[in-house]
Amino acid sequence: MSARKNTLYIFPTYNRLSRIESHWKDCFFHTDFMRLYNVVVLDGTLIDHDSFLHADTHFKSVQLRRLLDLFNEGKIVDGDIFIFGNAWNYIAVPLSYFRDEYGVDIKLVGFWGNSMFNPHSPMYQRFLRKNRSTAKYLERSLYECYDLNCFLSGKQFTKFEEFFGEKLVKSSKFSITGYPFGYLKDEISKRKDIKKSDTLIMPYYLPTVDDHFYYEGLSGSQPMQKYKFVHAYKTHNHRDRYLDVLAESKILFCFQRFEYNPVLIWEGMLAGVVPMVPDIGIFSDMLPEQYHYPESLAVISNRNKLLNVVRRRIQMEMHIIDIMDNYKARTKGLANEAEMMGKKYYNNTKLINIINRWQ
């Protein structure tokens, strides 16, 4: 009789790109995990709301209800592991107490990134003008709740240490694992025969009126009419449809100034799509210089706004034309760079090695 498999319970993250950025829901169904564990996704419910925090709290409340049902039904047993795609999740606090309350030997894993310690994350920007002390102390408490705190890179963990002004002496509580998105190589390769076209894809949500104004002006300008612009967040908000248009694209345009996990950039590189990213934050840390454009091109100044936008748009147009006209040359080392990026930041090995030692 074969031994019972333990279960990985996955708490995926909420974000406005959830329908095309479903990585935390999908990644643990890879054979690397499935051959050793059962996998259960504790998903939330997406709602449309002007307030991100309102929608995020609703999403997590549904996750909490599903977690409580599992305990009520007696389904949680020794050896089960709970994995949070975003460690900034208050559910980890009661869950850490449930170990004693229900007498079960479970483990908690949290992946950090979109958090107060990271000035280039959306979470940090959201609390920028508010009292941040409550969020900071919650973050420190959450760190203690997890048996394993995972970081995308050593630089991110250094920022975490610096933010709290102390050495996190419990070295067994953290690891630079990267994110376990190795499955993407197989997913992207299924569309390798799709023919390329002069398409620029932009998958991200545009948060401000100025961002919309800039993007619409760029895509509607006369020099850009020979290219196809796809704002995938609006028109291809489904994973399969998104991957189809990604496979035919030549440029992935990123207008994000605040990012903590550029996985959409990496999967674009796997698909042979040249990234265009601002030279800022994690993009500067993780991507070679040839894929950057000056940060100033992504910033719209209120001083002489119209003139400012036109000048920046012209420079961006020249950048796009250069990549489209020289696509073959621009993709010469792209596959190797994507491979190196995957090994460093997006592989399953480190996480698997750690959680297997718990069994």
Protein backbone atom coordinates (compact mmCIF):
# COMPACT_ATOMS: atom_id res chain seq x y z
CA MET A 1 0.00 0.00 0.00
CA SER A 2 1.50 3.36 -1.04
CA ALA A 3 2.09 6.05 1.58
CA ARG A 4 -0.42 8.87 1.80
CA LYS A 5 0.63 12.02 -0.01
CA ASN A 6 0.63 15.20 2.01
CA THR A 7 -1.20 18.21 0.61
CA LEU A 8 0.06 21.57 -0.58
CA TYR A 9 -2.64 24.17 0.09
CA ILE A 10 -2.05 27.17 -2.15
CA PHE A 11 -3.21 30.72 -1.44
CA PRO A 12 -2.92 32.53 -4.80
CA THR A 13 -2.57 36.30 -4.90
CA TYR A 14 -5.21 38.83 -5.86
CA ASN A 15 -4.36 41.31 -8.57
CA ARG A 16 -6.10 43.04 -11.43
CA LEU A 17 -4.25 40.79 -13.87
CA SER A 18 -5.50 37.61 -12.20
CA ARG A 19 -7.14 36.30 -15.37
CA ILE A 20 -3.91 36.39 -17.39
CA GLU A 21 -1.38 36.23 -14.54
CA SER A 22 -2.51 32.95 -12.97
CA HIS A 23 0.94 31.66 -12.06
CA TRP A 24 0.29 30.96 -8.38
CA LYS A 25 -2.78 28.91 -9.29
CA ASP A 26 -0.98 26.90 -11.97
CA CYS A 27 2.64 26.39 -10.92
CA PHE A 28 2.15 23.64 -8.32
CA PHE A 29 0.35 21.38 -10.78
CA HIS A 30 3.72 20.71 -12.42
CA THR A 31 5.01 17.14 -12.10
CA ASP A 32 7.84 18.38 -9.84
CA PHE A 33 5.19 18.87 -7.15
CA MET A 34 2.36 16.53 -8.19
CA ARG A 35 4.45 13.36 -7.96
CA LEU A 36 5.03 14.02 -4.26
CA TYR A 37 2.00 15.99 -3.08
CA ASN A 38 -1.69 16.52 -3.55
CA VAL A 39 -2.37 20.13 -4.54
CA VAL A 40 -5.41 22.15 -3.47
CA VAL A 41 -5.87 25.82 -4.46
CA LEU A 42 -7.71 27.96 -1.92
CA ASP A 43 -8.85 30.64 -4.34
CA GLY A 44 -10.66 33.85 -3.55
CA THR A 45 -13.41 35.55 -5.52
CA LEU A 46 -12.62 38.41 -7.89
CA ILE A 47 -14.86 41.44 -7.70
CA ASP A 48 -14.72 44.74 -9.57
CA HIS A 49 -14.18 47.64 -7.20
CA ASP A 50 -12.47 51.02 -7.42
CA SER A 51 -10.55 50.26 -4.23
CA PHE A 52 -7.82 47.65 -4.61
CA LEU A 53 -7.74 47.09 -0.84
CA HIS A 54 -11.50 46.50 -0.74
CA ALA A 55 -11.31 43.92 -3.54
CA ASP A 56 -8.20 42.31 -2.03
CA THR A 57 -9.81 42.03 1.42
CA HIS A 58 -12.91 40.43 -0.12
CA PHE A 59 -10.68 37.97 -2.01
CA LYS A 60 -8.89 36.97 1.20
CA SER A 61 -12.13 36.69 3.19
CA VAL A 62 -13.28 33.99 0.78
CA GLN A 63 -9.94 32.21 1.16
CA LEU A 64 -10.30 32.32 4.96
CA ARG A 65 -13.81 30.86 4.79
CA ARG A 66 -12.53 27.94 2.71
CA LEU A 67 -9.66 27.38 5.13
CA LEU A 68 -12.03 27.26 8.11
CA ASP A 69 -14.22 24.74 6.31
CA LEU A 70 -11.20 22.44 5.84
CA PHE A 71 -10.46 22.50 9.56
CA ASN A 72 -14.14 21.98 10.44
CA GLU A 73 -14.23 18.94 8.14
CA GLY A 74 -11.06 17.49 9.69
CA LYS A 75 -9.17 17.47 6.39
CA ILE A 76 -5.98 19.12 7.66
CA VAL A 77 -3.43 16.56 8.88
CA ASP A 78 0.20 16.40 10.01
CA GLY A 79 2.64 17.14 7.20
CA ASP A 80 0.38 19.41 5.17
CA ILE A 81 1.96 22.61 3.85
CA PHE A 82 0.30 25.99 3.28
CA ILE A 83 1.90 28.21 0.64
CA PHE A 84 1.07 31.91 0.27
CA GLY A 85 1.89 33.46 -3.11
CA ASN A 86 1.96 36.80 -1.30
CA ALA A 87 3.28 36.60 2.26
CA TRP A 88 1.43 39.84 3.01
CA ASN A 89 -1.70 37.92 3.92
CA TYR A 90 -3.32 38.28 7.35
CA ILE A 91 -4.68 34.70 7.14
CA ALA A 92 -1.21 33.44 8.11
CA VAL A 93 -1.72 34.84 11.64
CA PRO A 94 -4.73 32.72 12.71
CA LEU A 95 -3.39 29.78 10.71
CA SER A 96 -0.16 29.82 12.73
CA TYR A 97 -2.27 29.59 15.92
CA PHE A 98 -4.38 26.76 14.54
CA ARG A 99 -1.38 24.46 14.82
CA ASP A 100 -1.76 24.47 18.58
CA GLU A 101 -5.54 24.83 18.60
CA TYR A 102 -6.06 21.73 16.45
CA GLY A 103 -2.85 19.88 17.40
CA VAL A 104 -1.59 19.46 13.83
CA ASP A 105 2.00 19.65 12.62
CA ILE A 106 1.65 21.87 9.55
CA LYS A 107 4.10 24.21 7.84
CA LEU A 108 3.58 27.72 6.46
CA VAL A 109 5.50 29.18 3.51
CA GLY A 110 5.27 32.81 2.39
CA PHE A 111 6.68 34.47 -0.73
CA TRP A 112 7.68 38.11 -0.21
CA GLY A 113 7.76 40.87 -2.80
CA ASN A 114 4.69 43.10 -2.85
CA SER A 115 5.32 44.47 0.61
CA MET A 116 6.20 47.55 2.62
CA PHE A 117 9.93 46.77 2.64
CA ASN A 118 10.09 47.11 -1.15
CA PRO A 119 9.84 50.76 -2.31
CA HIS A 120 9.24 49.62 -5.90
CA SER A 121 6.20 47.51 -5.04
CA PRO A 122 2.56 48.61 -5.47
CA MET A 123 1.94 47.91 -1.75
CA TYR A 124 4.61 50.41 -0.66
CA GLN A 125 3.21 53.07 -3.00
CA ARG A 126 -0.31 52.43 -1.72
CA PHE A 127 0.73 53.29 1.84
CA LEU A 128 3.16 56.05 0.87
CA ARG A 129 1.07 58.90 2.27
CA LYS A 130 -0.53 56.95 5.09
CA ASN A 131 0.55 55.82 8.54
CA ARG A 132 2.84 52.98 7.61
CA SER A 133 3.74 51.79 11.11
CA THR A 134 0.78 49.38 11.38
CA ALA A 135 1.62 47.80 8.03
CA LYS A 136 5.29 47.55 9.01
CA TYR A 137 4.62 45.77 12.30
CA LEU A 138 2.14 43.42 10.62
CA GLU A 139 4.83 42.55 8.08
CA ARG A 140 7.32 41.76 10.82
CA SER A 141 4.75 39.58 12.61
CA LEU A 142 3.94 37.73 9.40
CA TYR A 143 7.62 36.93 8.96
CA GLU A 144 7.51 35.14 12.32
CA CYS A 145 4.35 33.22 11.36
CA TYR A 146 6.02 31.48 8.44
CA ASP A 147 8.29 28.47 8.81
CA LEU A 148 9.89 29.52 5.53
CA ASN A 149 10.06 33.06 4.14
CA CYS A 150 10.94 33.03 0.44
CA PHE A 151 12.48 35.87 -1.55
CA LEU A 152 12.93 36.32 -5.29
CA SER A 153 16.49 37.58 -4.95
CA GLY A 154 19.22 38.37 -2.45
CA LYS A 155 18.68 42.09 -3.10
CA GLN A 156 15.06 41.78 -2.02
CA PHE A 157 16.03 40.09 1.24
CA THR A 158 18.66 42.76 1.91
CA LYS A 159 15.94 45.41 1.51
CA PHE A 160 13.79 43.43 3.95
CA GLU A 161 16.57 43.44 6.55
CA GLU A 162 17.32 47.11 6.04
CA PHE A 163 13.65 48.07 6.35
CA PHE A 164 13.41 46.55 9.83
CA GLY A 165 16.81 47.81 10.93
CA GLU A 166 17.85 44.49 12.43
CA LYS A 167 19.48 41.21 11.53
CA LEU A 168 16.99 38.41 11.07
CA VAL A 169 19.06 35.93 13.03
CA LYS A 170 16.85 32.90 12.42
CA SER A 171 18.51 31.93 9.15
CA SER A 172 16.41 28.75 8.94
CA LYS A 173 13.29 30.93 8.48
CA PHE A 174 14.24 32.39 5.10
CA SER A 175 15.70 31.32 1.77
CA ILE A 176 16.44 32.96 -1.58
CA THR A 177 14.33 30.44 -3.48
CA GLY A 178 13.13 32.52 -6.39
CA TYR A 179 9.53 31.84 -7.47
CA PRO A 180 8.50 28.27 -8.49
CA PHE A 181 7.38 29.10 -12.02
CA GLY A 182 9.47 26.53 -13.89
CA TYR A 183 6.31 25.15 -15.53
CA LEU A 184 6.19 28.20 -17.79
CA LYS A 185 8.89 26.85 -20.09
CA ASP A 186 6.61 23.94 -21.05
CA GLU A 187 3.54 26.16 -21.31
CA ILE A 188 5.22 28.69 -23.59
CA SER A 189 6.88 26.05 -25.80
CA LYS A 190 3.45 24.69 -26.82
CA ARG A 191 2.99 27.83 -28.96
CA LYS A 192 6.46 27.96 -30.53
CA ASP A 193 5.06 27.39 -34.04
CA ILE A 194 2.84 30.50 -34.00
CA LYS A 195 4.11 32.94 -36.64
CA LYS A 196 5.47 36.31 -35.51
CA SER A 197 3.84 39.56 -36.62
CA ASP A 198 4.65 43.24 -36.06
CA THR A 199 2.74 43.23 -32.79
CA LEU A 200 3.48 45.12 -29.59
CA ILE A 201 1.75 43.67 -26.53
CA MET A 202 1.16 45.61 -23.32
CA PRO A 203 -0.28 43.34 -20.60
CA TYR A 204 -0.38 45.73 -17.66
CA TYR A 205 -3.13 47.71 -16.01
CA LEU A 206 -2.82 51.48 -16.54
CA PRO A 207 -3.58 53.06 -13.16
CA THR A 208 -3.83 56.78 -14.01
CA VAL A 209 -5.45 59.06 -16.58
CA ASP A 210 -1.98 60.25 -17.60
CA ASP A 211 -0.89 56.67 -18.26
CA HIS A 212 -3.91 56.11 -20.50
CA PHE A 213 -3.27 59.40 -22.28
CA TYR A 214 0.35 58.47 -22.93
CA TYR A 215 -0.37 54.92 -24.15
CA GLU A 216 -3.31 55.92 -26.37
CA GLY A 217 -1.27 58.74 -27.88
CA LEU A 218 1.62 56.38 -28.58
CA SER A 219 -0.47 53.60 -30.12
CA GLY A 220 -2.52 56.10 -32.16
CA SER A 221 0.38 58.13 -33.56
CA GLN A 222 0.99 58.08 -37.31
CA PRO A 223 4.41 56.31 -37.24
CA MET A 224 2.92 53.46 -35.18
CA GLN A 225 0.05 52.68 -37.55
CA LYS A 226 2.05 49.98 -39.32
CA TYR A 227 2.21 48.02 -36.08
CA LYS A 228 -0.47 46.20 -34.12
CA PHE A 229 -0.83 47.37 -30.50
CA VAL A 230 -2.54 45.03 -28.05
CA HIS A 231 -3.45 46.22 -24.56
CA ALA A 232 -3.96 42.67 -23.31
CA TYR A 233 -5.33 43.67 -19.91
CA LYS A 234 -8.37 45.10 -21.71
CA THR A 235 -8.74 42.90 -24.79
CA HIS A 236 -7.20 39.50 -23.97
CA ASN A 237 -8.05 39.09 -20.29
CA HIS A 238 -7.92 35.30 -20.39
CA ARG A 239 -4.80 33.19 -20.00
CA ASP A 240 -5.01 31.13 -23.21
CA ARG A 241 -5.95 34.10 -25.38
CA TYR A 242 -3.16 36.12 -23.83
CA LEU A 243 -0.53 33.45 -24.53
CA ASP A 244 -1.67 33.15 -28.16
CA VAL A 245 -1.16 36.85 -28.86
CA LEU A 246 2.06 36.88 -26.81
CA ALA A 247 3.48 34.15 -29.06
CA GLU A 248 2.91 36.24 -32.19
CA SER A 249 4.27 39.48 -30.68
CA LYS A 250 7.72 40.96 -31.20
CA ILE A 251 7.74 43.55 -28.38
CA LEU A 252 6.42 43.42 -24.82
CA PHE A 253 5.97 47.01 -23.67
CA CYS A 254 6.05 47.72 -19.95
CA PHE A 255 4.99 51.06 -18.56
CA GLN A 256 5.10 49.92 -14.93
CA ARG A 257 7.13 52.08 -12.57
CA PHE A 258 6.41 49.87 -9.56
CA GLU A 259 6.95 46.13 -9.90
CA TYR A 260 8.23 43.33 -7.67
CA ASN A 261 7.90 40.21 -9.83
CA PRO A 262 8.48 40.67 -13.58
CA VAL A 263 7.33 37.15 -14.50
CA LEU A 264 5.30 38.50 -17.43
CA ILE A 265 8.56 39.86 -18.85
CA TRP A 266 10.30 36.51 -18.41
CA GLU A 267 7.57 34.49 -20.10
CA GLY A 268 7.61 37.01 -22.93
CA MET A 269 11.34 36.41 -23.37
CA LEU A 270 10.67 32.66 -23.43
CA ALA A 271 8.24 33.33 -26.28
CA GLY A 272 10.84 35.31 -28.26
CA VAL A 273 9.36 38.70 -27.39
CA VAL A 274 11.77 41.59 -26.83
CA PRO A 275 11.00 43.41 -23.56
CA MET A 276 10.89 47.20 -23.35
CA VAL A 277 11.06 48.13 -19.66
CA PRO A 278 11.91 51.35 -17.78
CA ASP A 279 15.38 51.51 -16.27
CA ILE A 280 14.14 51.41 -12.70
CA GLY A 281 13.95 49.14 -9.67
CA ILE A 282 13.72 45.41 -10.22
CA PHE A 283 13.91 45.78 -14.02
CA SER A 284 17.37 47.32 -13.64
CA ASP A 285 18.36 44.51 -11.25
CA MET A 286 17.12 41.55 -13.28
CA LEU A 287 17.25 42.49 -16.98
CA PRO A 288 20.22 43.29 -19.24
CA GLU A 289 20.73 46.92 -20.20
CA GLN A 290 19.70 46.48 -23.84
CA TYR A 291 16.07 45.94 -22.79
CA HIS A 292 15.81 49.20 -20.82
CA TYR A 293 14.56 52.57 -21.92
CA PRO A 294 15.29 55.70 -19.84
CA GLU A 295 13.08 56.04 -16.78
CA SER A 296 12.26 59.61 -17.84
CA LEU A 297 10.29 58.28 -20.83
CA ALA A 298 7.81 56.64 -18.46
CA VAL A 299 7.32 59.73 -16.28
CA ILE A 300 4.84 62.44 -17.28
CA SER A 301 5.73 65.78 -15.75
CA ASN A 302 2.97 68.27 -14.91
CA ARG A 303 5.18 71.09 -16.17
CA ASN A 304 4.44 71.73 -19.85
CA LYS A 305 2.62 68.42 -19.84
CA LEU A 306 1.56 68.30 -23.48
CA LEU A 307 5.02 69.21 -24.78
CA ASN A 308 6.53 66.75 -22.31
CA VAL A 309 4.31 63.92 -23.54
CA VAL A 310 4.98 64.62 -27.23
CA ARG A 311 8.75 64.68 -26.78
CA ARG A 312 8.77 61.45 -24.82
CA ARG A 313 6.40 59.80 -27.26
CA ILE A 314 8.68 60.61 -30.20
CA GLN A 315 11.66 59.07 -28.40
CA MET A 316 9.60 55.97 -27.57
CA GLU A 317 8.46 55.65 -31.18
CA MET A 318 12.07 55.66 -32.35
CA HIS A 319 12.87 52.92 -29.83
CA ILE A 320 9.95 50.75 -31.03
CA ILE A 321 10.81 51.24 -34.71
CA ASP A 322 14.42 50.24 -34.05
CA ILE A 323 13.37 46.97 -32.38
CA MET A 324 10.79 46.11 -35.06
CA ASP A 325 13.22 46.82 -37.90
CA ASN A 326 16.03 44.84 -36.24
CA TYR A 327 14.00 42.10 -34.57
CA LYS A 328 16.29 39.21 -35.60
CA ALA A 329 19.38 40.97 -34.32
CA ARG A 330 17.61 42.00 -31.11
CA THR A 331 16.62 38.40 -30.35
CA LYS A 332 20.03 36.85 -30.95
CA GLY A 333 20.84 36.24 -27.29
CA LEU A 334 17.28 36.41 -25.98
CA ALA A 335 16.79 32.65 -25.48
CA ASN A 336 20.02 32.32 -23.50
CA GLU A 337 19.17 35.32 -21.34
CA ALA A 338 15.70 33.89 -20.65
CA GLU A 339 17.29 30.57 -19.69
CA MET A 340 19.69 32.24 -17.25
CA MET A 341 16.91 34.35 -15.78
CA GLY A 342 14.80 31.24 -15.26
CA LYS A 343 17.57 29.34 -13.49
CA LYS A 344 18.27 32.26 -11.18
CA TYR A 345 14.78 33.52 -10.37
CA TYR A 346 12.07 31.13 -11.61
CA ASN A 347 12.93 27.50 -10.92
CA ASN A 348 11.34 24.89 -8.66
CA THR A 349 14.43 23.21 -7.27
CA LYS A 350 15.22 25.27 -4.17
CA LEU A 351 11.67 25.23 -2.81
CA ILE A 352 11.22 21.51 -3.48
CA ASN A 353 14.48 20.64 -1.72
CA ILE A 354 13.40 22.53 1.40
CA ILE A 355 9.82 21.29 1.72
CA ASN A 356 10.88 17.70 0.99
CA ARG A 357 13.11 17.80 4.06
CA TRP A 358 9.99 18.41 6.16
CA GLN A 359 8.42 15.09 5.16
